[in-house]
């Protein structure tokens, strides 16, 4: 009887650890998979916002990847609280703001990070606000 209990306890422990490790596996969200053009002309706002939303709603630690290229984006809002325990933004490309600041209609800013616990931004990319006018 004691041996059966021990085997059951070991099996339960193994299953619990398996589920825990599986849930903790990181998830990557590359903006190219959301229709990014990165041609310096096309508006990439929708793809960036969609990738941000997916990264934030992921249950696993997530990484938003903005690869090399020139992205044109209007207002980008990355708002939590996120389900992921940590969110990383790997900015490798150049993100250009609109030249006309009147394009910032709803949030009054270009890029907004709000209510995100465990946020890390890195990568050597550029956030180009398009000068003093913007």
Protein backbone atom coordinates (compact mmCIF):
# COMPACT_ATOMS: atom_id res chain seq x y z
CA UNK A 1 0.00 0.00 0.00
CA UNK A 2 2.79 2.41 0.90
CA UNK A 3 4.62 1.57 -2.35
CA UNK A 4 1.48 2.33 -4.41
CA UNK A 5 1.13 5.70 -2.67
CA UNK A 6 4.79 6.53 -3.36
CA UNK A 7 4.44 5.67 -7.05
CA UNK A 8 1.26 7.75 -7.32
CA UNK A 9 2.97 10.69 -5.58
CA UNK A 10 5.98 10.47 -7.90
CA UNK A 11 3.71 10.30 -10.96
CA UNK A 12 1.74 13.33 -9.77
CA UNK A 13 4.97 15.26 -9.09
CA UNK A 14 6.29 14.44 -12.57
CA UNK A 15 3.03 15.51 -14.19
CA UNK A 16 2.95 18.76 -12.19
CA UNK A 17 6.54 19.64 -13.18
CA UNK A 18 5.82 18.77 -16.83
CA UNK A 19 2.82 21.12 -16.89
CA UNK A 20 4.79 23.85 -15.12
CA UNK A 21 7.72 23.65 -17.57
CA UNK A 22 5.39 23.50 -20.59
CA UNK A 23 3.48 26.60 -19.45
CA UNK A 24 6.69 28.54 -18.79
CA UNK A 25 8.07 28.03 -22.31
CA UNK A 26 8.68 31.44 -23.86
CA UNK A 27 6.68 32.64 -26.86
CA UNK A 28 8.07 34.84 -29.67
CA UNK A 29 5.91 37.28 -31.64
CA UNK A 30 7.69 38.56 -34.75
CA UNK A 31 5.95 41.58 -36.31
CA UNK A 32 6.79 40.22 -39.79
CA UNK A 33 4.25 37.45 -39.15
CA UNK A 34 1.54 40.11 -38.70
CA UNK A 35 1.98 41.72 -42.12
CA UNK A 36 4.81 44.18 -41.51
CA UNK A 37 6.25 45.62 -44.72
CA UNK A 38 9.31 47.36 -43.22
CA UNK A 39 9.77 49.28 -46.46
CA UNK A 40 9.88 52.77 -44.91
CA UNK A 41 6.69 53.78 -46.76
CA UNK A 42 3.80 51.49 -45.77
CA UNK A 43 1.95 52.05 -42.49
CA UNK A 44 2.96 49.19 -40.20
CA UNK A 45 0.91 50.36 -37.20
CA UNK A 46 -1.73 47.62 -37.34
CA UNK A 47 0.81 44.80 -37.46
CA UNK A 48 2.81 46.23 -34.55
CA UNK A 49 -0.31 46.72 -32.42
CA UNK A 50 -1.52 43.17 -33.21
CA UNK A 51 1.84 41.66 -32.26
CA UNK A 52 1.89 43.72 -29.03
CA UNK A 53 -1.59 42.49 -28.13
CA UNK A 54 -0.67 38.85 -28.77
CA UNK A 55 2.54 39.14 -26.72
CA UNK A 56 0.61 40.67 -23.82
CA UNK A 57 -2.16 38.06 -23.82
CA UNK A 58 0.26 35.12 -23.96
CA UNK A 59 0.33 33.03 -20.79
CA UNK A 60 4.05 32.34 -21.27
CA UNK A 61 6.88 34.86 -20.98
CA UNK A 62 6.86 36.58 -24.37
CA UNK A 63 9.18 38.43 -26.71
CA UNK A 64 7.99 40.94 -29.30
CA UNK A 65 10.53 40.97 -32.13
CA UNK A 66 10.88 43.95 -34.46
CA UNK A 67 13.57 42.77 -36.93
CA UNK A 68 15.91 44.95 -38.97
CA UNK A 69 14.13 47.23 -41.42
CA UNK A 70 12.44 50.62 -41.52
CA UNK A 71 8.92 50.63 -40.05
CA UNK A 72 6.45 53.50 -40.29
CA UNK A 73 4.03 53.55 -37.38
CA UNK A 74 1.42 55.93 -36.02
CA UNK A 75 0.21 55.61 -32.45
CA UNK A 76 1.37 52.38 -30.86
CA UNK A 77 -0.10 51.44 -27.51
CA UNK A 78 1.31 48.51 -25.57
CA UNK A 79 -0.89 48.31 -22.50
CA UNK A 80 -1.19 45.80 -19.71
CA UNK A 81 -1.77 44.28 -17.45
CA UNK A 82 -0.28 41.39 -19.39
CA UNK A 83 -0.89 37.73 -18.63
CA UNK A 84 2.77 36.90 -19.27
CA UNK A 85 5.07 37.09 -16.26
CA UNK A 86 7.57 39.01 -18.37
CA UNK A 87 7.50 40.77 -21.73
CA UNK A 88 10.59 41.61 -23.77
CA UNK A 89 10.69 43.88 -26.79
CA UNK A 90 13.64 43.13 -29.07
CA UNK A 91 13.90 46.24 -31.26
CA UNK A 92 16.40 45.68 -34.07
CA UNK A 93 14.91 47.92 -36.77
CA UNK A 94 14.03 51.60 -37.04
CA UNK A 95 10.55 52.68 -36.00
CA UNK A 96 9.60 56.04 -37.58
CA UNK A 97 6.91 58.33 -36.17
CA UNK A 98 4.60 60.26 -38.50
CA UNK A 99 6.02 63.67 -39.35
CA UNK A 100 2.72 65.40 -38.53
CA UNK A 101 1.99 65.22 -34.76
CA UNK A 102 -1.73 65.80 -35.47
CA UNK A 103 -1.80 62.12 -36.39
CA UNK A 104 -1.64 61.35 -32.66
CA UNK A 105 -5.38 61.49 -32.18
CA UNK A 106 -6.40 59.21 -29.35
CA UNK A 107 -3.53 58.77 -26.90
CA UNK A 108 -1.67 62.04 -27.48
CA UNK A 109 1.67 60.28 -27.83
CA UNK A 110 3.50 58.16 -30.32
CA UNK A 111 4.59 55.04 -28.42
CA UNK A 112 2.92 54.24 -25.11
CA UNK A 113 3.95 51.53 -22.63
CA UNK A 114 1.55 51.31 -19.72
CA UNK A 115 0.83 48.86 -16.86
CA UNK A 116 3.29 46.17 -17.99
CA UNK A 117 5.12 44.34 -15.21
CA UNK A 118 8.47 42.79 -16.11
CA UNK A 119 8.99 44.83 -19.31
CA UNK A 120 12.44 44.81 -20.94
CA UNK A 121 13.26 46.76 -24.12
CA UNK A 122 16.58 46.11 -25.87
CA UNK A 123 18.17 45.41 -29.23
CA UNK A 124 20.01 48.43 -30.60
CA UNK A 125 17.15 49.56 -32.86
CA UNK A 126 15.99 53.16 -33.25
CA UNK A 127 12.82 54.97 -32.22
CA UNK A 128 12.86 57.97 -34.59
CA UNK A 129 10.43 60.66 -33.45
CA UNK A 130 11.09 62.64 -36.67
CA UNK A 131 12.60 65.69 -35.02
CA UNK A 132 11.39 68.59 -32.90
CA UNK A 133 8.06 69.05 -34.71
CA UNK A 134 6.83 65.63 -33.57
